[in-house]
Amino acid sequence: MATGYKGWSIATIIRLNAGNDTNGNPRRVYVAFDVDCNIAGAWDEGYSGHNAVPVELRPMARQAVTLATTSKERKELLAMFDKAGNRKA
């Protein structure tokens, strides 16, 4: 468990895969959950791989389970957070 990330205790990270867009660009997102199963952060993977998440969470991101998702769900998750992983108001 990663502690100290923006006051959250991150319990796990999953990687959601929505395939590629029509131009071949990856549509994947890392989603972090706290110990109460709340979504604590979401980061667009792009071409960065596990480096898309903050450095203190990268060990968890490297071991993340990948699950299939839709492009709509991916967009909704990313819309909840800015690029730095801060929850939008």
PDB file of N, CA and C in Angstrom:
ATOM      1  N   MET A   1       0.843  -1.173   0.000  1.00  0.00           N
ATOM      2  CA  MET A   1       0.000   0.000   0.000  1.00  0.00           C
ATOM      3  C   MET A   1       0.889   1.237   0.000  1.00  0.00           C
ATOM      4  N   ALA A   2       0.572   2.154  -0.898  1.00  0.00           N
ATOM      5  CA  ALA A   2       1.308   3.407  -0.970  1.00  0.00           C
ATOM      6  C   ALA A   2       0.611   4.435  -0.096  1.00  0.00           C
ATOM      7  N   THR A   3       1.348   5.063   0.775  1.00  0.00           N
ATOM      8  CA  THR A   3       0.748   6.083   1.638  1.00  0.00           C
ATOM      9  C   THR A   3       1.366   7.430   1.321  1.00  0.00           C
ATOM     10  N   GLY A   4       0.661   8.456   1.687  1.00  0.00           N
ATOM     11  CA  GLY A   4       1.192   9.791   1.512  1.00  0.00           C
ATOM     12  C   GLY A   4       0.912  10.411   0.160  1.00  0.00           C
ATOM     13  N   TYR A   5       0.280   9.701  -0.766  1.00  0.00           N
ATOM     14  CA  TYR A   5      -0.047  10.307  -2.044  1.00  0.00           C
ATOM     15  C   TYR A   5      -1.257  11.203  -1.868  1.00  0.00           C
ATOM     16  N   LYS A   6      -1.025  12.495  -1.813  1.00  0.00           N
ATOM     17  CA  LYS A   6      -2.086  13.495  -1.669  1.00  0.00           C
ATOM     18  C   LYS A   6      -3.029  13.175  -0.512  1.00  0.00           C
ATOM     19  N   GLY A   7      -2.494  12.590   0.537  1.00  0.00           N
ATOM     20  CA  GLY A   7      -3.295  12.273   1.700  1.00  0.00           C
ATOM     21  C   GLY A   7      -4.068  10.963   1.590  1.00  0.00           C
ATOM     22  N   TRP A   8      -3.929  10.273   0.481  1.00  0.00           N
ATOM     23  CA  TRP A   8      -4.627   9.008   0.268  1.00  0.00           C
ATOM     24  C   TRP A   8      -3.721   7.850   0.644  1.00  0.00           C
ATOM     25  N   SER A   9      -4.319   6.764   1.051  1.00  0.00           N
ATOM     26  CA  SER A   9      -3.604   5.501   1.211  1.00  0.00           C
ATOM     27  C   SER A   9      -4.053   4.620   0.052  1.00  0.00           C
ATOM     28  N   ILE A  10      -3.230   4.538  -0.959  1.00  0.00           N
ATOM     29  CA  ILE A  10      -3.593   3.801  -2.174  1.00  0.00           C
ATOM     30  C   ILE A  10      -3.445   2.310  -1.905  1.00  0.00           C
ATOM     31  N   ALA A  11      -4.532   1.571  -2.087  1.00  0.00           N
ATOM     32  CA  ALA A  11      -4.534   0.136  -1.845  1.00  0.00           C
ATOM     33  C   ALA A  11      -4.184  -0.646  -3.103  1.00  0.00           C
ATOM     34  N   THR A  12      -4.638  -0.172  -4.254  1.00  0.00           N
ATOM     35  CA  THR A  12      -4.379  -0.896  -5.498  1.00  0.00           C
ATOM     36  C   THR A  12      -4.551   0.015  -6.701  1.00  0.00           C
ATOM     37  N   ILE A  13      -3.993  -0.411  -7.803  1.00  0.00           N
ATOM     38  CA  ILE A  13      -4.147   0.277  -9.084  1.00  0.00           C
ATOM     39  C   ILE A  13      -4.528  -0.775 -10.115  1.00  0.00           C
ATOM     40  N   ILE A  14      -5.490  -0.427 -10.964  1.00  0.00           N
ATOM     41  CA  ILE A  14      -5.813  -1.278 -12.104  1.00  0.00           C
ATOM     42  C   ILE A  14      -5.562  -0.483 -13.377  1.00  0.00           C
ATOM     43  N   ARG A  15      -5.408  -1.199 -14.459  1.00  0.00           N
ATOM     44  CA  ARG A  15      -5.205  -0.580 -15.765  1.00  0.00           C
ATOM     45  C   ARG A  15      -6.391  -0.991 -16.629  1.00  0.00           C
ATOM     46  N   LEU A  16      -7.104  -0.003 -17.152  1.00  0.00           N
ATOM     47  CA  LEU A  16      -8.248  -0.276 -18.003  1.00  0.00           C
ATOM     48  C   LEU A  16      -7.861  -0.042 -19.460  1.00  0.00           C
ATOM     49  N   ASN A  17      -8.222  -0.984 -20.316  1.00  0.00           N
ATOM     50  CA  ASN A  17      -7.837  -0.945 -21.722  1.00  0.00           C
ATOM     51  C   ASN A  17      -9.082  -0.809 -22.586  1.00  0.00           C
ATOM     52  N   ALA A  18      -9.180   0.309 -23.305  1.00  0.00           N
ATOM     53  CA  ALA A  18     -10.286   0.544 -24.228  1.00  0.00           C
ATOM     54  C   ALA A  18      -9.817   0.375 -25.674  1.00  0.00           C
ATOM     55  N   GLY A  19      -8.752  -0.372 -25.885  1.00  0.00           N
ATOM     56  CA  GLY A  19      -8.241  -0.599 -27.241  1.00  0.00           C
ATOM     57  C   GLY A  19      -7.552   0.630 -27.790  1.00  0.00           C
ATOM     58  N   ASN A  20      -7.540   0.744 -29.102  1.00  0.00           N
ATOM     59  CA  ASN A  20      -6.913   1.882 -29.764  1.00  0.00           C
ATOM     60  C   ASN A  20      -7.971   2.681 -30.505  1.00  0.00           C
ATOM     61  N   ASP A  21      -7.711   3.971 -30.714  1.00  0.00           N
ATOM     62  CA  ASP A  21      -8.637   4.785 -31.492  1.00  0.00           C
ATOM     63  C   ASP A  21      -8.411   4.517 -32.980  1.00  0.00           C
ATOM     64  N   THR A  22      -9.134   5.210 -33.837  1.00  0.00           N
ATOM     65  CA  THR A  22      -9.050   4.948 -35.285  1.00  0.00           C
ATOM     66  C   THR A  22      -7.682   5.282 -35.869  1.00  0.00           C
ATOM     67  N   ASN A  23      -6.898   6.095 -35.156  1.00  0.00           N
ATOM     68  CA  ASN A  23      -5.550   6.429 -35.605  1.00  0.00           C
ATOM     69  C   ASN A  23      -4.494   5.503 -35.007  1.00  0.00           C
ATOM     70  N   GLY A  24      -4.927   4.535 -34.225  1.00  0.00           N
ATOM     71  CA  GLY A  24      -3.997   3.594 -33.619  1.00  0.00           C
ATOM     72  C   GLY A  24      -3.432   4.022 -32.286  1.00  0.00           C
ATOM     73  N   ASN A  25      -3.905   5.131 -31.741  1.00  0.00           N
ATOM     74  CA  ASN A  25      -3.415   5.613 -30.447  1.00  0.00           C
ATOM     75  C   ASN A  25      -4.033   4.796 -29.312  1.00  0.00           C
ATOM     76  N   PRO A  26      -3.221   4.462 -28.312  1.00  0.00           N
ATOM     77  CA  PRO A  26      -3.735   3.658 -27.201  1.00  0.00           C
ATOM     78  C   PRO A  26      -4.743   4.435 -26.359  1.00  0.00           C
ATOM     79  N   ARG A  27      -5.765   3.707 -25.866  1.00  0.00           N
ATOM     80  CA  ARG A  27      -6.756   4.294 -24.968  1.00  0.00           C
ATOM     81  C   ARG A  27      -6.767   3.454 -23.692  1.00  0.00           C
ATOM     82  N   ARG A  28      -5.793   3.746 -22.824  1.00  0.00           N
ATOM     83  CA  ARG A  28      -5.671   3.018 -21.581  1.00  0.00           C
ATOM     84  C   ARG A  28      -5.553   4.004 -20.425  1.00  0.00           C
ATOM     85  N   VAL A  29      -6.032   3.600 -19.274  1.00  0.00           N
ATOM     86  CA  VAL A  29      -6.034   4.487 -18.114  1.00  0.00           C
ATOM     87  C   VAL A  29      -5.687   3.682 -16.868  1.00  0.00           C
ATOM     88  N   TYR A  30      -4.842   4.256 -16.034  1.00  0.00           N
ATOM     89  CA  TYR A  30      -4.548   3.676 -14.722  1.00  0.00           C
ATOM     90  C   TYR A  30      -5.506   4.300 -13.721  1.00  0.00           C
ATOM     91  N   VAL A  31      -6.109   3.475 -12.874  1.00  0.00           N
ATOM     92  CA  VAL A  31      -7.055   3.958 -11.870  1.00  0.00           C
ATOM     93  C   VAL A  31      -6.589   3.471 -10.503  1.00  0.00           C
ATOM     94  N   ALA A  32      -6.398   4.418  -9.583  1.00  0.00           N
ATOM     95  CA  ALA A  32      -5.965   4.094  -8.220  1.00  0.00           C
ATOM     96  C   ALA A  32      -7.170   4.106  -7.288  1.00  0.00           C
ATOM     97  N   PHE A  33      -7.181   3.140  -6.363  1.00  0.00           N
ATOM     98  CA  PHE A  33      -8.244   3.031  -5.366  1.00  0.00           C
ATOM     99  C   PHE A  33      -7.642   3.112  -3.972  1.00  0.00           C
ATOM    100  N   ASP A  34      -8.336   3.816  -3.073  1.00  0.00           N
ATOM    101  CA  ASP A  34      -7.876   3.876  -1.691  1.00  0.00           C
ATOM    102  C   ASP A  34      -8.365   2.648  -0.926  1.00  0.00           C
ATOM    103  N   VAL A  35      -8.068   2.591   0.351  1.00  0.00           N
ATOM    104  CA  VAL A  35      -8.412   1.430   1.166  1.00  0.00           C
ATOM    105  C   VAL A  35      -9.912   1.250   1.337  1.00  0.00           C
ATOM    106  N   ASP A  36     -10.706   2.298   1.078  1.00  0.00           N
ATOM    107  CA  ASP A  36     -12.158   2.201   1.157  1.00  0.00           C
ATOM    108  C   ASP A  36     -12.793   1.991  -0.216  1.00  0.00           C
ATOM    109  N   CYS A  37     -11.968   1.660  -1.207  1.00  0.00           N
ATOM    110  CA  CYS A  37     -12.413   1.408  -2.591  1.00  0.00           C
ATOM    111  C   CYS A  37     -12.934   2.659  -3.295  1.00  0.00           C
ATOM    112  N   ASN A  38     -12.524   3.840  -2.845  1.00  0.00           N
ATOM    113  CA  ASN A  38     -12.848   5.080  -3.552  1.00  0.00           C
ATOM    114  C   ASN A  38     -11.808   5.305  -4.639  1.00  0.00           C
ATOM    115  N   ILE A  39     -12.226   5.872  -5.738  1.00  0.00           N
ATOM    116  CA  ILE A  39     -11.270   6.202  -6.792  1.00  0.00           C
ATOM    117  C   ILE A  39     -10.454   7.400  -6.325  1.00  0.00           C
ATOM    118  N   ALA A  40      -9.158   7.210  -6.244  1.00  0.00           N
ATOM    119  CA  ALA A  40      -8.264   8.249  -5.722  1.00  0.00           C
ATOM    120  C   ALA A  40      -7.487   8.959  -6.818  1.00  0.00           C
ATOM    121  N   GLY A  41      -7.468   8.402  -8.019  1.00  0.00           N
ATOM    122  CA  GLY A  41      -6.746   9.026  -9.111  1.00  0.00           C
ATOM    123  C   GLY A  41      -6.930   8.248 -10.391  1.00  0.00           C
ATOM    124  N   ALA A  42      -6.771   8.945 -11.515  1.00  0.00           N
ATOM    125  CA  ALA A  42      -6.838   8.307 -12.827  1.00  0.00           C
ATOM    126  C   ALA A  42      -5.867   9.037 -13.743  1.00  0.00           C
ATOM    127  N   TRP A  43      -5.079   8.269 -14.485  1.00  0.00           N
ATOM    128  CA  TRP A  43      -4.054   8.834 -15.361  1.00  0.00           C
ATOM    129  C   TRP A  43      -4.109   8.168 -16.720  1.00  0.00           C
ATOM    130  N   ASP A  44      -4.115   8.977 -17.758  1.00  0.00           N
ATOM    131  CA  ASP A  44      -4.079   8.481 -19.125  1.00  0.00           C
ATOM    132  C   ASP A  44      -2.700   7.878 -19.380  1.00  0.00           C
ATOM    133  N   GLU A  45      -2.665   6.633 -19.811  1.00  0.00           N
ATOM    134  CA  GLU A  45      -1.384   5.966 -20.050  1.00  0.00           C
ATOM    135  C   GLU A  45      -0.662   6.550 -21.255  1.00  0.00           C
ATOM    136  N   GLY A  46      -1.396   6.856 -22.314  1.00  0.00           N
ATOM    137  CA  GLY A  46      -0.759   7.342 -23.534  1.00  0.00           C
ATOM    138  C   GLY A  46       0.344   6.391 -23.964  1.00  0.00           C
ATOM    139  N   TYR A  47       1.492   6.938 -24.319  1.00  0.00           N
ATOM    140  CA  TYR A  47       2.644   6.108 -24.688  1.00  0.00           C
ATOM    141  C   TYR A  47       3.651   6.002 -23.541  1.00  0.00           C
ATOM    142  N   SER A  48       3.261   6.464 -22.350  1.00  0.00           N
ATOM    143  CA  SER A  48       4.176   6.487 -21.210  1.00  0.00           C
ATOM    144  C   SER A  48       4.211   5.197 -20.415  1.00  0.00           C
ATOM    145  N   GLY A  49       3.233   4.332 -20.599  1.00  0.00           N
ATOM    146  CA  GLY A  49       3.185   3.115 -19.801  1.00  0.00           C
ATOM    147  C   GLY A  49       2.976   3.457 -18.340  1.00  0.00           C
ATOM    148  N   HIS A  50       3.592   2.669 -17.456  1.00  0.00           N
ATOM    149  CA  HIS A  50       3.414   2.901 -16.020  1.00  0.00           C
ATOM    150  C   HIS A  50       3.997   4.232 -15.551  1.00  0.00           C
ATOM    151  N   ASN A  51       4.815   4.870 -16.379  1.00  0.00           N
ATOM    152  CA  ASN A  51       5.378   6.180 -16.022  1.00  0.00           C
ATOM    153  C   ASN A  51       4.335   7.293 -16.058  1.00  0.00           C
ATOM    154  N   ALA A  52       3.116   6.993 -16.489  1.00  0.00           N
ATOM    155  CA  ALA A  52       2.044   7.986 -16.513  1.00  0.00           C
ATOM    156  C   ALA A  52       1.570   8.334 -15.106  1.00  0.00           C
ATOM    157  N   VAL A  53       1.775   7.441 -14.162  1.00  0.00           N
ATOM    158  CA  VAL A  53       1.327   7.684 -12.781  1.00  0.00           C
ATOM    159  C   VAL A  53       2.458   8.355 -11.996  1.00  0.00           C
ATOM    160  N   PRO A  54       2.138   8.994 -10.876  1.00  0.00           N
ATOM    161  CA  PRO A  54       3.188   9.614 -10.057  1.00  0.00           C
ATOM    162  C   PRO A  54       4.245   8.582  -9.641  1.00  0.00           C
ATOM    163  N   VAL A  55       5.452   9.038  -9.488  1.00  0.00           N
ATOM    164  CA  VAL A  55       6.597   8.165  -9.233  1.00  0.00           C
ATOM    165  C   VAL A  55       6.381   7.236  -8.037  1.00  0.00           C
ATOM    166  N   GLU A  56       5.740   7.724  -6.985  1.00  0.00           N
ATOM    167  CA  GLU A  56       5.556   6.890  -5.794  1.00  0.00           C
ATOM    168  C   GLU A  56       4.553   5.752  -6.014  1.00  0.00           C
ATOM    169  N   LEU A  57       3.770   5.840  -7.091  1.00  0.00           N
ATOM    170  CA  LEU A  57       2.789   4.795  -7.388  1.00  0.00           C
ATOM    171  C   LEU A  57       3.225   3.851  -8.507  1.00  0.00           C
ATOM    172  N   ARG A  58       4.345   4.112  -9.111  1.00  0.00           N
ATOM    173  CA  ARG A  58       4.790   3.302 -10.257  1.00  0.00           C
ATOM    174  C   ARG A  58       5.013   1.828  -9.947  1.00  0.00           C
ATOM    175  N   PRO A  59       5.539   1.466  -8.769  1.00  0.00           N
ATOM    176  CA  PRO A  59       5.657   0.033  -8.489  1.00  0.00           C
ATOM    177  C   PRO A  59       4.308  -0.681  -8.539  1.00  0.00           C
ATOM    178  N   MET A  60       3.258  -0.041  -8.049  1.00  0.00           N
ATOM    179  CA  MET A  60       1.919  -0.631  -8.108  1.00  0.00           C
ATOM    180  C   MET A  60       1.404  -0.663  -9.545  1.00  0.00           C
ATOM    181  N   ALA A  61       1.688   0.397 -10.310  1.00  0.00           N
ATOM    182  CA  ALA A  61       1.225   0.458 -11.701  1.00  0.00           C
ATOM    183  C   ALA A  61       1.883  -0.625 -12.548  1.00  0.00           C
ATOM    184  N   ARG A  62       3.150  -0.924 -12.267  1.00  0.00           N
ATOM    185  CA  ARG A  62       3.845  -1.980 -13.024  1.00  0.00           C
ATOM    186  C   ARG A  62       3.185  -3.338 -12.823  1.00  0.00           C
ATOM    187  N   GLN A  63       2.558  -3.532 -11.677  1.00  0.00           N
ATOM    188  CA  GLN A  63       1.932  -4.812 -11.362  1.00  0.00           C
ATOM    189  C   GLN A  63       0.415  -4.790 -11.561  1.00  0.00           C
ATOM    190  N   ALA A  64      -0.107  -3.731 -12.133  1.00  0.00           N
ATOM    191  CA  ALA A  64      -1.550  -3.568 -12.277  1.00  0.00           C
ATOM    192  C   ALA A  64      -2.160  -4.636 -13.177  1.00  0.00           C
ATOM    193  N   VAL A  65      -3.300  -5.111 -12.766  1.00  0.00           N
ATOM    194  CA  VAL A  65      -4.098  -6.015 -13.588  1.00  0.00           C
ATOM    195  C   VAL A  65      -4.762  -5.176 -14.673  1.00  0.00           C
ATOM    196  N   THR A  66      -4.810  -5.692 -15.890  1.00  0.00           N
ATOM    197  CA  THR A  66      -5.454  -4.986 -16.988  1.00  0.00           C
ATOM    198  C   THR A  66      -6.818  -5.608 -17.261  1.00  0.00           C
ATOM    199  N   LEU A  67      -7.821  -4.734 -17.313  1.00  0.00           N
ATOM    200  CA  LEU A  67      -9.188  -5.155 -17.591  1.00  0.00           C
ATOM    201  C   LEU A  67      -9.712  -4.385 -18.794  1.00  0.00           C
ATOM    202  N   ALA A  68     -10.612  -4.991 -19.534  1.00  0.00           N
ATOM    203  CA  ALA A  68     -11.222  -4.323 -20.683  1.00  0.00           C
ATOM    204  C   ALA A  68     -12.235  -3.288 -20.202  1.00  0.00           C
ATOM    205  N   THR A  69     -12.350  -2.215 -20.948  1.00  0.00           N
ATOM    206  CA  THR A  69     -13.336  -1.172 -20.658  1.00  0.00           C
ATOM    207  C   THR A  69     -13.791  -0.572 -21.978  1.00  0.00           C
ATOM    208  N   THR A  70     -14.681   0.378 -21.900  1.00  0.00           N
ATOM    209  CA  THR A  70     -15.140   1.091 -23.096  1.00  0.00           C
ATOM    210  C   THR A  70     -14.450   2.444 -23.165  1.00  0.00           C
ATOM    211  N   SER A  71     -14.439   3.024 -24.347  1.00  0.00           N
ATOM    212  CA  SER A  71     -13.828   4.349 -24.478  1.00  0.00           C
ATOM    213  C   SER A  71     -14.641   5.378 -23.692  1.00  0.00           C
ATOM    214  N   LYS A  72     -15.950   5.191 -23.586  1.00  0.00           N
ATOM    215  CA  LYS A  72     -16.790   6.109 -22.811  1.00  0.00           C
ATOM    216  C   LYS A  72     -16.410   6.077 -21.333  1.00  0.00           C
ATOM    217  N   GLU A  73     -16.256   4.884 -20.770  1.00  0.00           N
ATOM    218  CA  GLU A  73     -15.878   4.778 -19.356  1.00  0.00           C
ATOM    219  C   GLU A  73     -14.505   5.395 -19.120  1.00  0.00           C
ATOM    220  N   ARG A  74     -13.567   5.155 -20.027  1.00  0.00           N
ATOM    221  CA  ARG A  74     -12.229   5.740 -19.913  1.00  0.00           C
ATOM    222  C   ARG A  74     -12.304   7.260 -19.873  1.00  0.00           C
ATOM    223  N   LYS A  75     -13.071   7.851 -20.788  1.00  0.00           N
ATOM    224  CA  LYS A  75     -13.219   9.312 -20.832  1.00  0.00           C
ATOM    225  C   LYS A  75     -13.843   9.846 -19.548  1.00  0.00           C
ATOM    226  N   GLU A  76     -14.845   9.134 -19.036  1.00  0.00           N
ATOM    227  CA  GLU A  76     -15.500   9.574 -17.803  1.00  0.00           C
ATOM    228  C   GLU A  76     -14.534   9.559 -16.626  1.00  0.00           C
ATOM    229  N   LEU A  77     -13.712   8.530 -16.536  1.00  0.00           N
ATOM    230  CA  LEU A  77     -12.728   8.456 -15.447  1.00  0.00           C
ATOM    231  C   LEU A  77     -11.710   9.584 -15.559  1.00  0.00           C
ATOM    232  N   LEU A  78     -11.199   9.804 -16.757  1.00  0.00           N
ATOM    233  CA  LEU A  78     -10.199  10.856 -16.944  1.00  0.00           C
ATOM    234  C   LEU A  78     -10.792  12.242 -16.710  1.00  0.00           C
ATOM    235  N   ALA A  79     -12.085  12.406 -16.979  1.00  0.00           N
ATOM    236  CA  ALA A  79     -12.732  13.703 -16.776  1.00  0.00           C
ATOM    237  C   ALA A  79     -12.860  14.055 -15.298  1.00  0.00           C
ATOM    238  N   MET A  80     -12.781  13.056 -14.426  1.00  0.00           N
ATOM    239  CA  MET A  80     -12.890  13.289 -12.987  1.00  0.00           C
ATOM    240  C   MET A  80     -11.625  13.907 -12.396  1.00  0.00           C
ATOM    241  N   PHE A  81     -10.488  13.777 -13.101  1.00  0.00           N
ATOM    242  CA  PHE A  81      -9.196  14.208 -12.571  1.00  0.00           C
ATOM    243  C   PHE A  81      -8.442  15.025 -13.609  1.00  0.00           C
ATOM    244  N   ASP A  82      -7.585  15.956 -13.141  1.00  0.00           N
ATOM    245  CA  ASP A  82      -6.728  16.665 -14.077  1.00  0.00           C
ATOM    246  C   ASP A  82      -5.501  15.798 -14.375  1.00  0.00           C
ATOM    247  N   LYS A  83      -4.609  16.281 -15.213  1.00  0.00           N
ATOM    248  CA  LYS A  83      -3.455  15.476 -15.625  1.00  0.00           C
ATOM    249  C   LYS A  83      -2.507  15.151 -14.484  1.00  0.00           C
ATOM    250  N   ALA A  84      -2.540  15.932 -13.410  1.00  0.00           N
ATOM    251  CA  ALA A  84      -1.687  15.687 -12.255  1.00  0.00           C
ATOM    252  C   ALA A  84      -2.330  14.701 -11.278  1.00  0.00           C
ATOM    253  N   GLY A  85      -3.565  14.297 -11.557  1.00  0.00           N
ATOM    254  CA  GLY A  85      -4.239  13.354 -10.667  1.00  0.00           C
ATOM    255  C   GLY A  85      -5.078  14.006  -9.595  1.00  0.00           C
ATOM    256  N   ASN A  86      -5.278  15.314  -9.698  1.00  0.00           N
ATOM    257  CA  ASN A  86      -6.121  16.028  -8.734  1.00  0.00           C
ATOM    258  C   ASN A  86      -7.580  15.918  -9.147  1.00  0.00           C
ATOM    259  N   ARG A  87      -8.441  15.586  -8.187  1.00  0.00           N
ATOM    260  CA  ARG A  87      -9.876  15.484  -8.468  1.00  0.00           C
ATOM    261  C   ARG A  87     -10.414  16.852  -8.812  1.00  0.00           C
ATOM    262  N   LYS A  88     -11.166  16.914  -9.918  1.00  0.00           N
ATOM    263  CA  LYS A  88     -11.789  18.170 -10.333  1.00  0.00           C
ATOM    264  C   LYS A  88     -13.019  18.428  -9.473  1.00  0.00           C
ATOM    265  N   ALA A  89     -13.322  19.696  -9.270  1.00  0.00           N
ATOM    266  CA  ALA A  89     -14.489  20.071  -8.441  1.00  0.00           C
ATOM    267  C   ALA A  89     -15.788  19.810  -9.141  1.00  0.00           C
TER     268      ALA A  89
END
